[in-house]
N, C-alpha and C. Protein backbone atom coordinates (compact mmCIF):
# COMPACT_ATOMS: atom_id res chain seq x y z
N MET A 1 -32.64 -22.10 -28.01
CA MET A 1 -31.23 -22.32 -28.19
C MET A 1 -30.63 -21.11 -28.90
N VAL A 2 -29.49 -20.63 -28.37
CA VAL A 2 -28.81 -19.47 -28.92
C VAL A 2 -27.81 -19.94 -29.96
N LYS A 3 -27.86 -19.31 -31.11
CA LYS A 3 -26.91 -19.65 -32.16
C LYS A 3 -25.68 -18.77 -32.03
N VAL A 4 -24.52 -19.37 -32.19
CA VAL A 4 -23.26 -18.66 -32.14
C VAL A 4 -22.66 -18.69 -33.53
N LYS A 5 -22.18 -17.55 -33.98
CA LYS A 5 -21.56 -17.50 -35.29
C LYS A 5 -20.36 -18.43 -35.30
N ALA A 6 -20.09 -19.03 -36.44
CA ALA A 6 -18.99 -19.98 -36.56
C ALA A 6 -17.65 -19.36 -36.22
N ASP A 7 -17.47 -18.08 -36.49
CA ASP A 7 -16.18 -17.44 -36.24
C ASP A 7 -16.08 -16.80 -34.85
N SER A 8 -17.13 -16.90 -34.03
CA SER A 8 -17.11 -16.32 -32.69
C SER A 8 -16.71 -17.38 -31.67
N PRO A 9 -15.73 -17.06 -30.81
CA PRO A 9 -15.39 -18.00 -29.74
C PRO A 9 -16.57 -18.17 -28.79
N LYS A 10 -16.83 -19.39 -28.38
CA LYS A 10 -17.99 -19.66 -27.52
C LYS A 10 -17.81 -19.10 -26.11
N CYS A 11 -16.57 -18.92 -25.68
CA CYS A 11 -16.34 -18.49 -24.31
C CYS A 11 -16.38 -16.97 -24.16
N CYS A 12 -16.33 -16.26 -25.23
CA CYS A 12 -16.26 -14.80 -25.16
C CYS A 12 -17.64 -14.17 -25.07
N THR A 13 -17.76 -13.24 -24.17
CA THR A 13 -18.98 -12.46 -24.06
C THR A 13 -18.58 -11.01 -23.92
N ALA A 14 -19.49 -10.16 -24.21
CA ALA A 14 -19.20 -8.74 -24.04
C ALA A 14 -19.10 -8.46 -22.54
N GLY A 15 -18.08 -7.77 -22.16
CA GLY A 15 -17.88 -7.46 -20.74
C GLY A 15 -17.10 -6.17 -20.62
N GLU A 16 -16.69 -5.88 -19.40
CA GLU A 16 -15.94 -4.66 -19.23
C GLU A 16 -14.54 -4.83 -19.81
N ASN A 17 -14.01 -3.73 -20.24
CA ASN A 17 -12.69 -3.70 -20.84
C ASN A 17 -11.69 -3.33 -19.74
N LEU A 18 -11.13 -4.34 -19.07
CA LEU A 18 -10.22 -4.09 -17.96
C LEU A 18 -8.84 -3.75 -18.47
N ALA A 19 -8.19 -2.84 -17.79
CA ALA A 19 -6.83 -2.46 -18.16
C ALA A 19 -5.87 -3.54 -17.71
N LEU A 20 -4.83 -3.72 -18.47
CA LEU A 20 -3.79 -4.67 -18.11
C LEU A 20 -3.06 -4.13 -16.89
N PRO A 21 -2.91 -4.98 -15.84
CA PRO A 21 -2.25 -4.47 -14.62
C PRO A 21 -0.78 -4.19 -14.86
N ASP A 22 -0.22 -3.32 -14.02
CA ASP A 22 1.20 -3.03 -14.19
C ASP A 22 2.03 -4.25 -13.79
N VAL A 23 3.28 -4.26 -14.20
CA VAL A 23 4.16 -5.40 -14.01
C VAL A 23 4.38 -5.71 -12.53
N ALA A 24 4.61 -4.69 -11.71
CA ALA A 24 4.87 -4.91 -10.29
C ALA A 24 3.67 -5.56 -9.60
N TRP A 25 2.47 -5.10 -9.91
CA TRP A 25 1.26 -5.67 -9.34
C TRP A 25 1.15 -7.14 -9.72
N ALA A 26 1.35 -7.44 -10.99
CA ALA A 26 1.25 -8.82 -11.47
C ALA A 26 2.31 -9.71 -10.84
N GLU A 27 3.53 -9.20 -10.70
CA GLU A 27 4.60 -9.97 -10.08
C GLU A 27 4.31 -10.25 -8.61
N ASP A 28 3.82 -9.26 -7.89
CA ASP A 28 3.47 -9.45 -6.48
C ASP A 28 2.38 -10.51 -6.33
N LEU A 29 1.34 -10.40 -7.14
CA LEU A 29 0.25 -11.36 -7.07
C LEU A 29 0.73 -12.76 -7.42
N ALA A 30 1.53 -12.88 -8.46
CA ALA A 30 2.04 -14.20 -8.88
C ALA A 30 2.91 -14.82 -7.79
N LYS A 31 3.77 -14.02 -7.18
CA LYS A 31 4.67 -14.53 -6.14
C LYS A 31 3.88 -15.04 -4.93
N LEU A 32 2.93 -14.26 -4.48
CA LEU A 32 2.18 -14.65 -3.29
C LEU A 32 1.22 -15.80 -3.55
N THR A 33 0.61 -15.83 -4.70
CA THR A 33 -0.29 -16.95 -5.00
C THR A 33 0.49 -18.23 -5.26
N TRP A 34 1.70 -18.10 -5.83
CA TRP A 34 2.54 -19.28 -6.04
C TRP A 34 2.89 -19.92 -4.70
N ALA A 35 3.08 -19.10 -3.68
CA ALA A 35 3.39 -19.63 -2.35
C ALA A 35 2.28 -20.54 -1.84
N LEU A 36 1.06 -20.30 -2.28
CA LEU A 36 -0.08 -21.12 -1.85
C LEU A 36 -0.50 -22.14 -2.90
N ALA A 37 0.35 -22.37 -3.87
CA ALA A 37 -0.01 -23.26 -4.98
C ALA A 37 0.22 -24.73 -4.67
N HIS A 38 0.45 -25.06 -3.43
CA HIS A 38 0.62 -26.46 -3.03
C HIS A 38 -0.26 -26.71 -1.80
N PRO A 39 -1.00 -27.81 -1.79
CA PRO A 39 -1.90 -28.07 -0.66
C PRO A 39 -1.20 -28.10 0.71
N ALA A 40 0.03 -28.57 0.76
CA ALA A 40 0.75 -28.60 2.03
C ALA A 40 1.01 -27.19 2.54
N ARG A 41 1.34 -26.27 1.64
CA ARG A 41 1.59 -24.89 2.06
C ARG A 41 0.29 -24.22 2.50
N VAL A 42 -0.81 -24.54 1.85
CA VAL A 42 -2.11 -24.01 2.27
C VAL A 42 -2.42 -24.48 3.68
N ARG A 43 -2.16 -25.76 3.94
CA ARG A 43 -2.42 -26.32 5.28
C ARG A 43 -1.51 -25.69 6.33
N ILE A 44 -0.25 -25.46 5.98
CA ILE A 44 0.67 -24.81 6.92
C ILE A 44 0.19 -23.40 7.25
N VAL A 45 -0.24 -22.66 6.24
CA VAL A 45 -0.74 -21.30 6.47
C VAL A 45 -1.97 -21.35 7.39
N ARG A 46 -2.88 -22.27 7.12
CA ARG A 46 -4.08 -22.39 7.98
C ARG A 46 -3.69 -22.72 9.41
N LEU A 47 -2.72 -23.61 9.57
CA LEU A 47 -2.26 -23.98 10.90
C LEU A 47 -1.67 -22.76 11.62
N LEU A 48 -0.83 -22.02 10.91
CA LEU A 48 -0.22 -20.83 11.51
C LEU A 48 -1.24 -19.74 11.82
N LEU A 49 -2.28 -19.64 11.00
CA LEU A 49 -3.33 -18.65 11.27
C LEU A 49 -4.10 -18.98 12.55
N SER A 50 -4.11 -20.25 12.94
CA SER A 50 -4.85 -20.65 14.14
C SER A 50 -4.02 -20.54 15.40
N ARG A 51 -2.74 -20.14 15.25
CA ARG A 51 -1.84 -20.03 16.41
C ARG A 51 -1.07 -18.72 16.37
N VAL A 52 -0.54 -18.34 17.52
CA VAL A 52 0.29 -17.14 17.57
C VAL A 52 1.64 -17.43 16.90
N SER A 53 2.23 -18.56 17.22
CA SER A 53 3.47 -19.00 16.58
C SER A 53 3.54 -20.52 16.69
N CYS A 54 4.46 -21.09 15.95
CA CYS A 54 4.53 -22.54 15.88
C CYS A 54 5.97 -22.95 15.59
N VAL A 55 6.48 -23.91 16.31
CA VAL A 55 7.81 -24.45 16.07
C VAL A 55 7.70 -25.49 14.96
N CYS A 56 8.74 -25.60 14.16
CA CYS A 56 8.73 -26.52 13.02
C CYS A 56 8.27 -27.92 13.42
N GLY A 57 8.74 -28.42 14.54
CA GLY A 57 8.36 -29.76 14.99
C GLY A 57 6.86 -29.91 15.20
N GLU A 58 6.22 -28.85 15.69
CA GLU A 58 4.77 -28.88 15.88
C GLU A 58 4.05 -28.95 14.54
N ILE A 59 4.60 -28.25 13.56
CA ILE A 59 4.00 -28.27 12.22
C ILE A 59 4.14 -29.66 11.63
N VAL A 60 5.32 -30.26 11.79
CA VAL A 60 5.57 -31.61 11.27
C VAL A 60 4.59 -32.61 11.87
N GLU A 61 4.31 -32.48 13.17
CA GLU A 61 3.37 -33.38 13.84
C GLU A 61 1.98 -33.33 13.22
N GLU A 62 1.60 -32.17 12.69
CA GLU A 62 0.27 -31.98 12.11
C GLU A 62 0.18 -32.41 10.64
N MET A 63 1.32 -32.61 10.01
CA MET A 63 1.35 -32.87 8.57
C MET A 63 1.76 -34.32 8.30
N PRO A 64 1.20 -34.91 7.26
CA PRO A 64 1.60 -36.28 6.90
C PRO A 64 2.84 -36.27 5.99
N LEU A 65 3.83 -35.45 6.35
CA LEU A 65 5.02 -35.28 5.52
C LEU A 65 6.27 -35.39 6.38
N ALA A 66 7.37 -35.71 5.72
CA ALA A 66 8.66 -35.75 6.41
C ALA A 66 9.07 -34.35 6.86
N GLN A 67 9.91 -34.30 7.89
CA GLN A 67 10.37 -33.02 8.41
C GLN A 67 11.07 -32.21 7.33
N SER A 68 11.87 -32.86 6.49
CA SER A 68 12.59 -32.14 5.44
C SER A 68 11.63 -31.53 4.42
N THR A 69 10.54 -32.21 4.14
CA THR A 69 9.55 -31.70 3.19
C THR A 69 8.83 -30.49 3.78
N VAL A 70 8.45 -30.59 5.04
CA VAL A 70 7.81 -29.45 5.72
C VAL A 70 8.76 -28.26 5.74
N SER A 71 10.02 -28.51 6.03
CA SER A 71 11.01 -27.43 6.05
C SER A 71 11.13 -26.76 4.69
N GLN A 72 11.08 -27.54 3.63
CA GLN A 72 11.15 -26.98 2.27
C GLN A 72 9.94 -26.09 1.99
N HIS A 73 8.76 -26.54 2.40
CA HIS A 73 7.55 -25.73 2.22
C HIS A 73 7.63 -24.45 3.04
N LEU A 74 8.13 -24.54 4.27
CA LEU A 74 8.30 -23.35 5.10
C LEU A 74 9.29 -22.39 4.48
N LYS A 75 10.34 -22.91 3.88
CA LYS A 75 11.33 -22.07 3.20
C LYS A 75 10.67 -21.26 2.08
N ILE A 76 9.83 -21.91 1.29
CA ILE A 76 9.14 -21.23 0.19
C ILE A 76 8.20 -20.15 0.75
N LEU A 77 7.47 -20.48 1.79
CA LEU A 77 6.56 -19.51 2.40
C LEU A 77 7.33 -18.32 2.97
N LYS A 78 8.52 -18.58 3.54
CA LYS A 78 9.35 -17.49 4.07
C LYS A 78 9.91 -16.63 2.94
N GLU A 79 10.35 -17.26 1.86
CA GLU A 79 10.93 -16.51 0.74
C GLU A 79 9.92 -15.55 0.12
N THR A 80 8.66 -15.93 0.13
CA THR A 80 7.63 -15.06 -0.44
C THR A 80 7.13 -14.03 0.57
N GLY A 81 7.49 -14.20 1.82
CA GLY A 81 7.12 -13.23 2.85
C GLY A 81 5.83 -13.54 3.58
N LEU A 82 5.11 -14.58 3.20
CA LEU A 82 3.86 -14.90 3.89
C LEU A 82 4.09 -15.39 5.31
N VAL A 83 5.24 -16.01 5.53
CA VAL A 83 5.57 -16.57 6.83
C VAL A 83 6.88 -15.96 7.30
N GLN A 84 6.96 -15.72 8.61
CA GLN A 84 8.19 -15.23 9.22
C GLN A 84 8.72 -16.32 10.14
N GLY A 85 10.04 -16.41 10.23
CA GLY A 85 10.65 -17.37 11.14
C GLY A 85 11.61 -16.65 12.06
N GLU A 86 11.53 -16.97 13.34
CA GLU A 86 12.40 -16.35 14.33
C GLU A 86 13.15 -17.45 15.07
N ILE A 87 14.47 -17.31 15.10
CA ILE A 87 15.30 -18.31 15.76
C ILE A 87 15.17 -18.14 17.27
N ASP A 88 14.87 -19.24 17.93
CA ASP A 88 14.72 -19.26 19.38
C ASP A 88 15.58 -20.41 19.90
N GLY A 89 16.86 -20.11 20.11
CA GLY A 89 17.81 -21.15 20.51
C GLY A 89 17.98 -22.12 19.36
N PRO A 90 17.81 -23.42 19.62
CA PRO A 90 17.98 -24.40 18.54
C PRO A 90 16.74 -24.56 17.66
N ARG A 91 15.67 -23.84 17.98
CA ARG A 91 14.42 -24.00 17.22
C ARG A 91 14.10 -22.73 16.44
N VAL A 92 13.23 -22.90 15.46
CA VAL A 92 12.72 -21.76 14.71
C VAL A 92 11.21 -21.71 14.93
N CYS A 93 10.74 -20.56 15.39
CA CYS A 93 9.30 -20.34 15.57
C CYS A 93 8.77 -19.62 14.34
N TYR A 94 7.69 -20.11 13.79
CA TYR A 94 7.11 -19.53 12.58
C TYR A 94 5.78 -18.88 12.92
N CYS A 95 5.47 -17.82 12.17
CA CYS A 95 4.17 -17.16 12.29
C CYS A 95 3.82 -16.53 10.94
N ILE A 96 2.56 -16.19 10.81
CA ILE A 96 2.08 -15.53 9.59
C ILE A 96 2.53 -14.07 9.60
N ASN A 97 2.97 -13.59 8.46
CA ASN A 97 3.27 -12.17 8.29
C ASN A 97 1.93 -11.51 7.92
N LYS A 98 1.32 -10.88 8.87
CA LYS A 98 -0.02 -10.31 8.66
C LYS A 98 -0.05 -9.23 7.57
N ASP A 99 1.04 -8.49 7.42
CA ASP A 99 1.11 -7.47 6.36
C ASP A 99 1.10 -8.13 4.99
N ALA A 100 1.87 -9.20 4.84
CA ALA A 100 1.91 -9.91 3.55
C ALA A 100 0.57 -10.56 3.25
N LEU A 101 -0.09 -11.09 4.26
CA LEU A 101 -1.40 -11.70 4.07
C LEU A 101 -2.42 -10.64 3.65
N ALA A 102 -2.37 -9.48 4.28
CA ALA A 102 -3.27 -8.38 3.91
C ALA A 102 -3.00 -7.93 2.47
N LYS A 103 -1.74 -7.90 2.09
CA LYS A 103 -1.38 -7.52 0.71
C LYS A 103 -1.93 -8.53 -0.27
N LEU A 104 -1.80 -9.83 0.06
CA LEU A 104 -2.34 -10.88 -0.82
C LEU A 104 -3.85 -10.72 -0.98
N LYS A 105 -4.55 -10.48 0.12
CA LYS A 105 -6.00 -10.31 0.06
C LYS A 105 -6.37 -9.13 -0.83
N LYS A 106 -5.63 -8.04 -0.71
CA LYS A 106 -5.92 -6.85 -1.51
C LYS A 106 -5.64 -7.12 -2.99
N LEU A 107 -4.53 -7.79 -3.28
CA LEU A 107 -4.20 -8.11 -4.68
C LEU A 107 -5.26 -8.99 -5.32
N VAL A 108 -5.71 -10.01 -4.58
CA VAL A 108 -6.73 -10.91 -5.11
C VAL A 108 -8.04 -10.16 -5.30
N ALA A 109 -8.38 -9.31 -4.36
CA ALA A 109 -9.63 -8.54 -4.46
C ALA A 109 -9.62 -7.64 -5.69
N ASN A 110 -8.43 -7.15 -6.07
CA ASN A 110 -8.32 -6.27 -7.23
C ASN A 110 -8.12 -7.01 -8.54
N LEU A 111 -8.12 -8.31 -8.47
CA LEU A 111 -7.95 -9.10 -9.69
C LEU A 111 -9.13 -8.89 -10.61
């Protein structure tokens, strides 16, 4: 059994001394990860990744949520840039913004 000094936090171990990231990097990471901070939005992203594009009604059919709730989640995903929406007559077709997804992957990898 390892003894820990009374004044030493139990969770702290010696490790590398990482530099604090710059503000822009932290803001970008926070914005993009916040977009995925709800299970419904994660499911929408997975659905869109499996298709070239998707109309809102198709997304609603796949989700156990009201159309207005799905639309709100899509709005959040669009505001953060992870999802793009293109108006096609009376419908909106949604797809993943591959550049934003690549940026998210890079930000997380550098965490």
